[in-house]
Amino acid sequence: MLAIFASLLPESDSKRQTYIDYVKSQIDYILGDNPAGVNYVVGAEANSPKAVHHRAASAVFDPRLAMKPKDNIFTLWGALAGGPGYNDEYTDDRNNYQMNEVGLDYNAGFTMCLAGLVHFGLGVKDTGDILNFDRAYPPKEQTPDFNITMNTMGMEISSGSGMVCSAWCVTFTLNVKIEAIYGCTPYLQEHPKYIVCNTRDNHYLDGEGTPQKANFIINDKSFVAPTEYEVLCDGFHAADNQGTPIYKPEFGKRYKVTGAGGPENTSPL
């Protein structure tokens, strides 16, 4: 409100500059001039909050999974986190909603203050440094990198090279019939074609090689693992106990994976 109030005062009023200076000091604090040295705007710097309390950004469906992933899968560009405690301490933890909520009330005030500084001629053009770290906007291109192994007991899928997916599906054809599929979402079972996807408990690929599993029962000993898979990254929403899964490949990215995968055997479709 001080930014608006200052804009209404004549330049001859000594309080006008006092208010402007105060607004600028608050923005400077938010952008990193604070004892914690943290820029509280998501995506602005490498040390900006990465786990704000926001369901869509975290891609966490189930409150029981609030501890993982540690960092949000999606970056909520430009959002202002709740910020530090009384002693300027800050913890980047989704479960600490007081420090990591991205409320509309203070984000609106933050935007108003920024507009005020631009109005007063105090806007500063970006230097380009914002592009020099992994989570900056625009995001750096990800290296397609999926690894898949399959046997008569089931399938494991993981992603590497920082390839993060908030949801996943794997399409494949098999020479034998799968009698039962569990531990995942069996979206399609029309032998020889199958589509298996994540559940709400194993929904994301972290880009660090952590495997997610699908369990099979296959009785036919002539099983031969597929040599080619199609992976859908995002574009799927696992159902809860009462709901229906949503399969929307057009909202995700599709990749061809040959053999066991890896960056040399993963290519966009």
C-alpha atoms as a PDB file:
ATOM      1  CA  MET A   1       0.000   0.000   0.000  1.00  0.00           C
ATOM      2  CA  LEU A   2       2.916   2.346   0.651  1.00  0.00           C
ATOM      3  CA  ALA A   3       3.889   2.143  -3.016  1.00  0.00           C
ATOM      4  CA  ILE A   4       0.430   3.359  -4.031  1.00  0.00           C
ATOM      5  CA  PHE A   5       0.384   5.979  -1.298  1.00  0.00           C
ATOM      6  CA  ALA A   6       3.807   7.296  -2.331  1.00  0.00           C
ATOM      7  CA  SER A   7       2.689   7.569  -5.949  1.00  0.00           C
ATOM      8  CA  LEU A   8      -0.157   9.858  -4.845  1.00  0.00           C
ATOM      9  CA  LEU A   9       2.091  12.253  -2.939  1.00  0.00           C
ATOM     10  CA  PRO A  10       3.647  15.264  -4.658  1.00  0.00           C
ATOM     11  CA  GLU A  11       7.407  15.093  -5.182  1.00  0.00           C
ATOM     12  CA  SER A  12       7.770  18.046  -2.835  1.00  0.00           C
ATOM     13  CA  ASP A  13       6.512  15.951   0.087  1.00  0.00           C
ATOM     14  CA  SER A  14       9.523  14.658   2.045  1.00  0.00           C
ATOM     15  CA  LYS A  15       7.603  11.559   3.114  1.00  0.00           C
ATOM     16  CA  ARG A  16       7.310  10.436  -0.501  1.00  0.00           C
ATOM     17  CA  GLN A  17      10.979   9.463  -0.780  1.00  0.00           C
ATOM     18  CA  THR A  18      10.897   7.873   2.680  1.00  0.00           C
ATOM     19  CA  TYR A  19       8.083   5.582   1.575  1.00  0.00           C
ATOM     20  CA  ILE A  20       9.821   4.763  -1.710  1.00  0.00           C
ATOM     21  CA  ASP A  21      13.043   3.889   0.115  1.00  0.00           C
ATOM     22  CA  TYR A  22      11.134   1.638   2.497  1.00  0.00           C
ATOM     23  CA  VAL A  23       9.384  -0.191  -0.352  1.00  0.00           C
ATOM     24  CA  LYS A  24      12.729  -0.692  -2.092  1.00  0.00           C
ATOM     25  CA  SER A  25      14.305  -2.038   1.103  1.00  0.00           C
ATOM     26  CA  GLN A  26      11.520  -4.605   1.423  1.00  0.00           C
ATOM     27  CA  ILE A  27      11.930  -5.736  -2.177  1.00  0.00           C
ATOM     28  CA  ASP A  28      15.702  -5.949  -1.695  1.00  0.00           C
ATOM     29  CA  TYR A  29      15.100  -8.146   1.353  1.00  0.00           C
ATOM     30  CA  ILE A  30      12.785 -10.439  -0.616  1.00  0.00           C
ATOM     31  CA  LEU A  31      15.294 -10.723  -3.462  1.00  0.00           C
ATOM     32  CA  GLY A  32      18.162 -11.845  -1.258  1.00  0.00           C
ATOM     33  CA  ASP A  33      19.450  -8.912   0.797  1.00  0.00           C
ATOM     34  CA  ASN A  34      18.595 -10.683   4.036  1.00  0.00           C
ATOM     35  CA  PRO A  35      20.498 -12.609   6.746  1.00  0.00           C
ATOM     36  CA  ALA A  36      19.588 -15.964   5.179  1.00  0.00           C
ATOM     37  CA  GLY A  37      20.845 -14.821   1.772  1.00  0.00           C
ATOM     38  CA  VAL A  38      17.802 -16.387   0.114  1.00  0.00           C
ATOM     39  CA  ASN A  39      15.915 -14.978  -2.851  1.00  0.00           C
ATOM     40  CA  TYR A  40      12.328 -15.851  -1.915  1.00  0.00           C
ATOM     41  CA  VAL A  41      11.018 -15.659  -5.490  1.00  0.00           C
ATOM     42  CA  VAL A  42      10.663 -19.159  -6.935  1.00  0.00           C
ATOM     43  CA  GLY A  43      12.889 -19.763  -9.946  1.00  0.00           C
ATOM     44  CA  ALA A  44      14.765 -16.469  -9.615  1.00  0.00           C
ATOM     45  CA  GLU A  45      18.089 -17.830  -8.368  1.00  0.00           C
ATOM     46  CA  ALA A  46      19.764 -21.131  -7.595  1.00  0.00           C
ATOM     47  CA  ASN A  47      18.995 -20.766  -3.882  1.00  0.00           C
ATOM     48  CA  SER A  48      15.357 -19.754  -4.375  1.00  0.00           C
ATOM     49  CA  PRO A  49      12.700 -22.002  -2.782  1.00  0.00           C
ATOM     50  CA  LYS A  50      12.304 -25.312  -4.603  1.00  0.00           C
ATOM     51  CA  ALA A  51       9.619 -26.929  -2.436  1.00  0.00           C
ATOM     52  CA  VAL A  52       6.870 -24.356  -2.000  1.00  0.00           C
ATOM     53  CA  HIS A  53       3.570 -25.618  -0.612  1.00  0.00           C
ATOM     54  CA  HIS A  54       1.673 -25.946  -3.897  1.00  0.00           C
ATOM     55  CA  ARG A  55      -0.008 -29.164  -5.016  1.00  0.00           C
ATOM     56  CA  ALA A  56       0.307 -28.652  -8.773  1.00  0.00           C
ATOM     57  CA  ALA A  57       3.955 -27.573  -8.592  1.00  0.00           C
ATOM     58  CA  SER A  58       4.892 -30.467  -6.324  1.00  0.00           C
ATOM     59  CA  ALA A  59       2.919 -33.031  -8.359  1.00  0.00           C
ATOM     60  CA  VAL A  60       2.109 -34.691  -5.033  1.00  0.00           C
ATOM     61  CA  PHE A  61      -1.355 -36.239  -5.207  1.00  0.00           C
ATOM     62  CA  ASP A  62      -1.538 -37.907  -1.827  1.00  0.00           C
ATOM     63  CA  PRO A  63      -0.993 -36.033   1.478  1.00  0.00           C
ATOM     64  CA  ARG A  64       0.794 -39.128   2.791  1.00  0.00           C
ATOM     65  CA  LEU A  65       3.555 -38.423   0.277  1.00  0.00           C
ATOM     66  CA  ALA A  66       4.116 -34.821   1.328  1.00  0.00           C
ATOM     67  CA  MET A  67       7.768 -35.564   2.097  1.00  0.00           C
ATOM     68  CA  LYS A  68       8.614 -36.585  -1.470  1.00  0.00           C
ATOM     69  CA  PRO A  69       9.788 -35.521  -3.888  1.00  0.00           C
ATOM     70  CA  LYS A  70      11.935 -33.182  -1.808  1.00  0.00           C
ATOM     71  CA  ASP A  71      11.988 -30.557  -4.562  1.00  0.00           C
ATOM     72  CA  ASN A  72       8.857 -29.756  -6.537  1.00  0.00           C
ATOM     73  CA  ILE A  73       8.736 -31.339  -9.966  1.00  0.00           C
ATOM     74  CA  PHE A  74       7.404 -28.163 -11.571  1.00  0.00           C
ATOM     75  CA  THR A  75       8.881 -24.721 -10.920  1.00  0.00           C
ATOM     76  CA  LEU A  76       6.249 -22.150  -9.946  1.00  0.00           C
ATOM     77  CA  TRP A  77       8.029 -19.308 -11.729  1.00  0.00           C
ATOM     78  CA  GLY A  78       7.830 -15.924 -10.030  1.00  0.00           C
ATOM     79  CA  ALA A  79       5.803 -16.969  -6.985  1.00  0.00           C
ATOM     80  CA  LEU A  80       6.768 -15.430  -3.651  1.00  0.00           C
ATOM     81  CA  ALA A  81       7.211 -17.943  -0.835  1.00  0.00           C
ATOM     82  CA  GLY A  82       5.983 -17.182   2.670  1.00  0.00           C
ATOM     83  CA  GLY A  83       9.517 -16.412   3.777  1.00  0.00           C
ATOM     84  CA  PRO A  84      11.514 -16.513   6.996  1.00  0.00           C
ATOM     85  CA  GLY A  85      10.600 -16.680  10.647  1.00  0.00           C
ATOM     86  CA  TYR A  86      11.016 -13.970  13.263  1.00  0.00           C
ATOM     87  CA  ASN A  87      14.775 -14.524  13.441  1.00  0.00           C
ATOM     88  CA  ASP A  88      15.265 -14.469   9.656  1.00  0.00           C
ATOM     89  CA  GLU A  89      15.639 -18.259   9.566  1.00  0.00           C
ATOM     90  CA  TYR A  90      14.231 -20.164   6.599  1.00  0.00           C
ATOM     91  CA  THR A  91      13.641 -23.835   5.769  1.00  0.00           C
ATOM     92  CA  ASP A  92      12.847 -24.891   2.206  1.00  0.00           C
ATOM     93  CA  ASP A  93      10.410 -27.643   3.183  1.00  0.00           C
ATOM     94  CA  ARG A  94       6.953 -28.184   1.689  1.00  0.00           C
ATOM     95  CA  ASN A  95       5.618 -29.366   5.033  1.00  0.00           C
ATOM     96  CA  ASN A  96       6.535 -26.031   6.610  1.00  0.00           C
ATOM     97  CA  TYR A  97       3.627 -24.264   4.979  1.00  0.00           C
ATOM     98  CA  GLN A  98       4.102 -21.073   6.995  1.00  0.00           C
ATOM     99  CA  MET A  99       7.434 -20.453   5.272  1.00  0.00           C
ATOM    100  CA  ASN A 100       6.535 -21.975   1.911  1.00  0.00           C
ATOM    101  CA  GLU A 101       2.922 -21.078   1.195  1.00  0.00           C
ATOM    102  CA  VAL A 102       2.498 -18.989  -1.958  1.00  0.00           C
ATOM    103  CA  GLY A 103      -0.543 -17.018  -0.837  1.00  0.00           C
ATOM    104  CA  LEU A 104      -2.362 -14.654  -3.160  1.00  0.00           C
ATOM    105  CA  ASP A 105      -2.445 -11.909  -0.538  1.00  0.00           C
ATOM    106  CA  TYR A 106       1.278 -11.285  -0.263  1.00  0.00           C
ATOM    107  CA  ASN A 107       1.964 -12.192  -3.900  1.00  0.00           C
ATOM    108  CA  ALA A 108      -0.487  -9.450  -4.871  1.00  0.00           C
ATOM    109  CA  GLY A 109       1.284  -7.001  -2.563  1.00  0.00           C
ATOM    110  CA  PHE A 110       4.658  -8.071  -3.949  1.00  0.00           C
ATOM    111  CA  THR A 111       3.487  -7.444  -7.513  1.00  0.00           C
ATOM    112  CA  MET A 112       2.136  -4.045  -6.534  1.00  0.00           C
ATOM    113  CA  CYS A 113       5.459  -3.067  -4.949  1.00  0.00           C
ATOM    114  CA  LEU A 114       7.360  -4.126  -8.063  1.00  0.00           C
ATOM    115  CA  ALA A 115       5.012  -2.068 -10.216  1.00  0.00           C
ATOM    116  CA  GLY A 116       5.601   0.864  -7.880  1.00  0.00           C
ATOM    117  CA  LEU A 117       9.376   0.622  -8.224  1.00  0.00           C
ATOM    118  CA  VAL A 118       9.060   0.553 -12.006  1.00  0.00           C
ATOM    119  CA  HIS A 119       6.773   3.574 -11.780  1.00  0.00           C
ATOM    120  CA  PHE A 120       9.401   5.401  -9.715  1.00  0.00           C
ATOM    121  CA  GLY A 121      12.116   4.583 -12.254  1.00  0.00           C
ATOM    122  CA  LEU A 122      13.845   2.013 -10.065  1.00  0.00           C
ATOM    123  CA  GLY A 123      13.352  -1.003 -12.309  1.00  0.00           C
ATOM    124  CA  VAL A 124      16.550  -2.889 -13.152  1.00  0.00           C
ATOM    125  CA  LYS A 125      16.951  -4.868 -16.354  1.00  0.00           C
ATOM    126  CA  ASP A 126      17.913  -8.536 -15.984  1.00  0.00           C
ATOM    127  CA  THR A 127      21.613  -9.134 -16.520  1.00  0.00           C
ATOM    128  CA  GLY A 128      21.196 -12.623 -17.923  1.00  0.00           C
ATOM    129  CA  ASP A 129      22.634 -14.282 -14.820  1.00  0.00           C
ATOM    130  CA  ILE A 130      19.230 -15.814 -14.188  1.00  0.00           C
ATOM    131  CA  LEU A 131      19.838 -18.198 -17.085  1.00  0.00           C
ATOM    132  CA  ASN A 132      22.980 -19.705 -15.601  1.00  0.00           C
ATOM    133  CA  PHE A 133      21.515 -22.327 -13.292  1.00  0.00           C
ATOM    134  CA  ASP A 134      19.477 -25.449 -13.848  1.00  0.00           C
ATOM    135  CA  ARG A 135      16.089 -24.342 -12.520  1.00  0.00           C
ATOM    136  CA  ALA A 136      16.065 -20.879 -14.101  1.00  0.00           C
ATOM    137  CA  TYR A 137      13.551 -19.711 -16.670  1.00  0.00           C
ATOM    138  CA  PRO A 138      13.463 -20.649 -19.467  1.00  0.00           C
ATOM    139  CA  PRO A 139      14.255 -24.209 -18.390  1.00  0.00           C
ATOM    140  CA  LYS A 140      17.228 -25.909 -19.948  1.00  0.00           C
ATOM    141  CA  GLU A 141      16.570 -28.692 -22.413  1.00  0.00           C
ATOM    142  CA  GLN A 142      16.399 -32.080 -20.756  1.00  0.00           C
ATOM    143  CA  THR A 143      18.401 -35.002 -22.104  1.00  0.00           C
ATOM    144  CA  PRO A 144      15.996 -37.861 -22.924  1.00  0.00           C
ATOM    145  CA  ASP A 145      17.178 -40.720 -20.743  1.00  0.00           C
ATOM    146  CA  PHE A 146      14.974 -43.636 -19.684  1.00  0.00           C
ATOM    147  CA  ASN A 147      16.057 -47.064 -18.504  1.00  0.00           C
ATOM    148  CA  ILE A 148      13.664 -50.023 -18.614  1.00  0.00           C
ATOM    149  CA  THR A 149      14.153 -53.629 -17.592  1.00  0.00           C
ATOM    150  CA  MET A 150      11.506 -56.348 -17.765  1.00  0.00           C
ATOM    151  CA  ASN A 151      11.228 -59.993 -16.783  1.00  0.00           C
ATOM    152  CA  THR A 152       8.440 -62.406 -15.845  1.00  0.00           C
ATOM    153  CA  MET A 153       8.169 -60.746 -12.422  1.00  0.00           C
ATOM    154  CA  GLY A 154       7.580 -57.241 -13.707  1.00  0.00           C
ATOM    155  CA  MET A 155       9.146 -54.067 -15.012  1.00  0.00           C
ATOM    156  CA  GLU A 156      11.340 -51.300 -13.639  1.00  0.00           C
ATOM    157  CA  ILE A 157      11.600 -47.850 -15.165  1.00  0.00           C
ATOM    158  CA  SER A 158      13.856 -44.981 -14.167  1.00  0.00           C
ATOM    159  CA  SER A 159      15.054 -41.741 -15.695  1.00  0.00           C
ATOM    160  CA  GLY A 160      18.472 -40.139 -15.639  1.00  0.00           C
ATOM    161  CA  SER A 161      20.259 -37.011 -16.858  1.00  0.00           C
ATOM    162  CA  GLY A 162      17.812 -34.845 -14.908  1.00  0.00           C
ATOM    163  CA  MET A 163      14.858 -36.101 -16.973  1.00  0.00           C
ATOM    164  CA  VAL A 164      11.977 -35.484 -14.544  1.00  0.00           C
ATOM    165  CA  CYS A 165       8.432 -36.733 -15.180  1.00  0.00           C
ATOM    166  CA  SER A 166       5.484 -36.031 -12.900  1.00  0.00           C
ATOM    167  CA  ALA A 167       3.780 -39.126 -14.309  1.00  0.00           C
ATOM    168  CA  TRP A 168       4.716 -41.957 -16.645  1.00  0.00           C
ATOM    169  CA  CYS A 169       3.276 -44.657 -18.875  1.00  0.00           C
ATOM    170  CA  VAL A 170       5.060 -47.397 -20.804  1.00  0.00           C
ATOM    171  CA  THR A 171       3.555 -48.942 -23.949  1.00  0.00           C
ATOM    172  CA  PHE A 172       4.906 -52.255 -25.226  1.00  0.00           C
ATOM    173  CA  THR A 173       3.971 -55.466 -26.996  1.00  0.00           C
ATOM    174  CA  LEU A 174       4.794 -58.857 -25.547  1.00  0.00           C
ATOM    175  CA  ASN A 175       5.064 -62.336 -26.997  1.00  0.00           C
ATOM    176  CA  VAL A 176       3.274 -63.895 -24.003  1.00  0.00           C
ATOM    177  CA  LYS A 177       0.181 -62.943 -22.051  1.00  0.00           C
ATOM    178  CA  ILE A 178       0.462 -61.147 -18.727  1.00  0.00           C
ATOM    179  CA  GLU A 179      -1.945 -62.887 -16.366  1.00  0.00           C
ATOM    180  CA  ALA A 180      -2.023 -60.109 -13.782  1.00  0.00           C
ATOM    181  CA  ILE A 181      -0.563 -56.625 -13.338  1.00  0.00           C
ATOM    182  CA  TYR A 182      -0.319 -54.900  -9.973  1.00  0.00           C
ATOM    183  CA  GLY A 183       1.697 -52.217  -8.206  1.00  0.00           C
ATOM    184  CA  CYS A 184       0.965 -49.855 -11.090  1.00  0.00           C
ATOM    185  CA  THR A 185      -2.002 -48.742 -13.209  1.00  0.00           C
ATOM    186  CA  PRO A 186      -2.719 -51.296 -15.970  1.00  0.00           C
ATOM    187  CA  TYR A 187      -4.251 -48.794 -18.367  1.00  0.00           C
ATOM    188  CA  LEU A 188      -4.470 -51.185 -21.330  1.00  0.00           C
ATOM    189  CA  GLN A 189      -4.363 -55.000 -21.359  1.00  0.00           C
ATOM    190  CA  GLU A 190      -5.174 -56.155 -24.872  1.00  0.00           C
ATOM    191  CA  HIS A 191      -2.590 -58.816 -25.571  1.00  0.00           C
ATOM    192  CA  PRO A 192      -0.128 -58.444 -27.191  1.00  0.00           C
ATOM    193  CA  LYS A 193      -0.318 -54.690 -26.441  1.00  0.00           C
ATOM    194  CA  TYR A 194      -0.042 -53.285 -22.926  1.00  0.00           C
ATOM    195  CA  ILE A 195       0.093 -49.826 -21.385  1.00  0.00           C
ATOM    196  CA  VAL A 196       1.183 -49.661 -17.761  1.00  0.00           C
ATOM    197  CA  CYS A 197       1.321 -46.379 -15.875  1.00  0.00           C
ATOM    198  CA  ASN A 198       2.127 -45.025 -12.467  1.00  0.00           C
ATOM    199  CA  THR A 199      -0.128 -45.109  -9.434  1.00  0.00           C
ATOM    200  CA  ARG A 200      -0.538 -42.242  -7.005  1.00  0.00           C
ATOM    201  CA  ASP A 201       2.175 -43.814  -4.837  1.00  0.00           C
ATOM    202  CA  ASN A 202       4.863 -44.257  -7.507  1.00  0.00           C
ATOM    203  CA  HIS A 203       3.989 -41.421  -9.800  1.00  0.00           C
ATOM    204  CA  TYR A 204       7.190 -39.562 -10.567  1.00  0.00           C
ATOM    205  CA  LEU A 205      10.552 -40.208 -12.175  1.00  0.00           C
ATOM    206  CA  ASP A 206      13.202 -38.103 -10.484  1.00  0.00           C
ATOM    207  CA  GLY A 207      15.870 -37.929 -13.191  1.00  0.00           C
ATOM    208  CA  GLU A 208      18.370 -39.466 -10.774  1.00  0.00           C
ATOM    209  CA  GLY A 209      17.904 -43.143 -11.585  1.00  0.00           C
ATOM    210  CA  THR A 210      15.439 -44.036  -8.823  1.00  0.00           C
ATOM    211  CA  PRO A 211      13.374 -46.950 -10.183  1.00  0.00           C
ATOM    212  CA  GLN A 212       9.604 -47.254 -10.176  1.00  0.00           C
ATOM    213  CA  LYS A 213       8.100 -50.714 -10.458  1.00  0.00           C
ATOM    214  CA  ALA A 214       5.234 -52.590 -12.059  1.00  0.00           C
ATOM    215  CA  ASN A 215       4.633 -56.184 -10.987  1.00  0.00           C
ATOM    216  CA  PHE A 216       3.520 -58.945 -13.374  1.00  0.00           C
ATOM    217  CA  ILE A 217       2.401 -62.535 -13.173  1.00  0.00           C
ATOM    218  CA  ILE A 218       3.531 -64.365 -16.315  1.00  0.00           C
ATOM    219  CA  ASN A 219       3.265 -68.134 -16.412  1.00  0.00           C
ATOM    220  CA  ASP A 220       4.446 -68.701 -19.972  1.00  0.00           C
ATOM    221  CA  LYS A 221       8.141 -69.657 -19.887  1.00  0.00           C
ATOM    222  CA  SER A 222       8.666 -68.556 -23.486  1.00  0.00           C
ATOM    223  CA  PHE A 223       8.707 -64.926 -22.331  1.00  0.00           C
ATOM    224  CA  VAL A 224      11.031 -62.638 -24.281  1.00  0.00           C
ATOM    225  CA  ALA A 225      11.573 -59.068 -23.108  1.00  0.00           C
ATOM    226  CA  PRO A 226      10.556 -56.369 -25.587  1.00  0.00           C
ATOM    227  CA  THR A 227      13.317 -54.644 -27.512  1.00  0.00           C
ATOM    228  CA  GLU A 228      11.348 -51.419 -27.908  1.00  0.00           C
ATOM    229  CA  TYR A 229       9.127 -49.347 -25.624  1.00  0.00           C
ATOM    230  CA  GLU A 230       7.215 -46.097 -25.839  1.00  0.00           C
ATOM    231  CA  VAL A 231       7.434 -43.922 -22.734  1.00  0.00           C
ATOM    232  CA  LEU A 232       4.964 -41.144 -22.011  1.00  0.00           C
ATOM    233  CA  CYS A 233       6.408 -38.475 -19.720  1.00  0.00           C
ATOM    234  CA  ASP A 234       3.546 -36.552 -18.072  1.00  0.00           C
ATOM    235  CA  GLY A 235       0.131 -36.673 -19.754  1.00  0.00           C
ATOM    236  CA  PHE A 236      -1.311 -39.142 -17.227  1.00  0.00           C
ATOM    237  CA  HIS A 237      -3.217 -38.667 -13.981  1.00  0.00           C
ATOM    238  CA  ALA A 238      -3.540 -41.700 -11.735  1.00  0.00           C
ATOM    239  CA  ALA A 239      -6.908 -42.280 -10.117  1.00  0.00           C
ATOM    240  CA  ASP A 240      -7.688 -42.405  -6.439  1.00  0.00           C
ATOM    241  CA  ASN A 241      -9.879 -45.190  -5.064  1.00  0.00           C
ATOM    242  CA  GLN A 242     -13.065 -43.761  -6.558  1.00  0.00           C
ATOM    243  CA  GLY A 243     -11.784 -42.048  -9.685  1.00  0.00           C
ATOM    244  CA  THR A 244     -10.862 -42.933 -13.228  1.00  0.00           C
ATOM    245  CA  PRO A 245      -7.330 -42.518 -14.584  1.00  0.00           C
ATOM    246  CA  ILE A 246      -6.855 -39.829 -17.209  1.00  0.00           C
ATOM    247  CA  TYR A 247      -4.624 -40.706 -20.160  1.00  0.00           C
ATOM    248  CA  LYS A 248      -3.820 -37.648 -22.290  1.00  0.00           C
ATOM    249  CA  PRO A 249      -0.682 -38.264 -24.397  1.00  0.00           C
ATOM    250  CA  GLU A 250      -1.162 -34.910 -26.107  1.00  0.00           C
ATOM    251  CA  PHE A 251      -0.398 -33.208 -22.787  1.00  0.00           C
ATOM    252  CA  GLY A 252       2.881 -35.070 -22.310  1.00  0.00           C
ATOM    253  CA  LYS A 253       5.985 -36.001 -24.273  1.00  0.00           C
ATOM    254  CA  ARG A 254       6.546 -39.377 -25.916  1.00  0.00           C
ATOM    255  CA  TYR A 255       9.856 -41.167 -26.299  1.00  0.00           C
ATOM    256  CA  LYS A 256      11.081 -44.299 -28.030  1.00  0.00           C
ATOM    257  CA  VAL A 257      13.318 -46.478 -25.868  1.00  0.00           C
ATOM    258  CA  THR A 258      15.219 -49.389 -27.363  1.00  0.00           C
ATOM    259  CA  GLY A 259      16.945 -52.168 -25.469  1.00  0.00           C
ATOM    260  CA  ALA A 260      17.509 -51.285 -21.833  1.00  0.00           C
ATOM    261  CA  GLY A 261      17.507 -47.588 -22.691  1.00  0.00           C
ATOM    262  CA  GLY A 262      19.896 -44.887 -21.586  1.00  0.00           C
ATOM    263  CA  PRO A 263      20.475 -41.553 -23.348  1.00  0.00           C
ATOM    264  CA  GLU A 264      21.953 -43.218 -26.422  1.00  0.00           C
ATOM    265  CA  ASN A 265      18.826 -45.393 -26.812  1.00  0.00           C
ATOM    266  CA  THR A 266      16.143 -42.816 -25.971  1.00  0.00           C
ATOM    267  CA  SER A 267      14.741 -40.509 -28.639  1.00  0.00           C
ATOM    268  CA  PRO A 268      11.716 -38.173 -28.845  1.00  0.00           C
ATOM    269  CA  LEU A 269       8.698 -39.218 -30.897  1.00  0.00           C
END
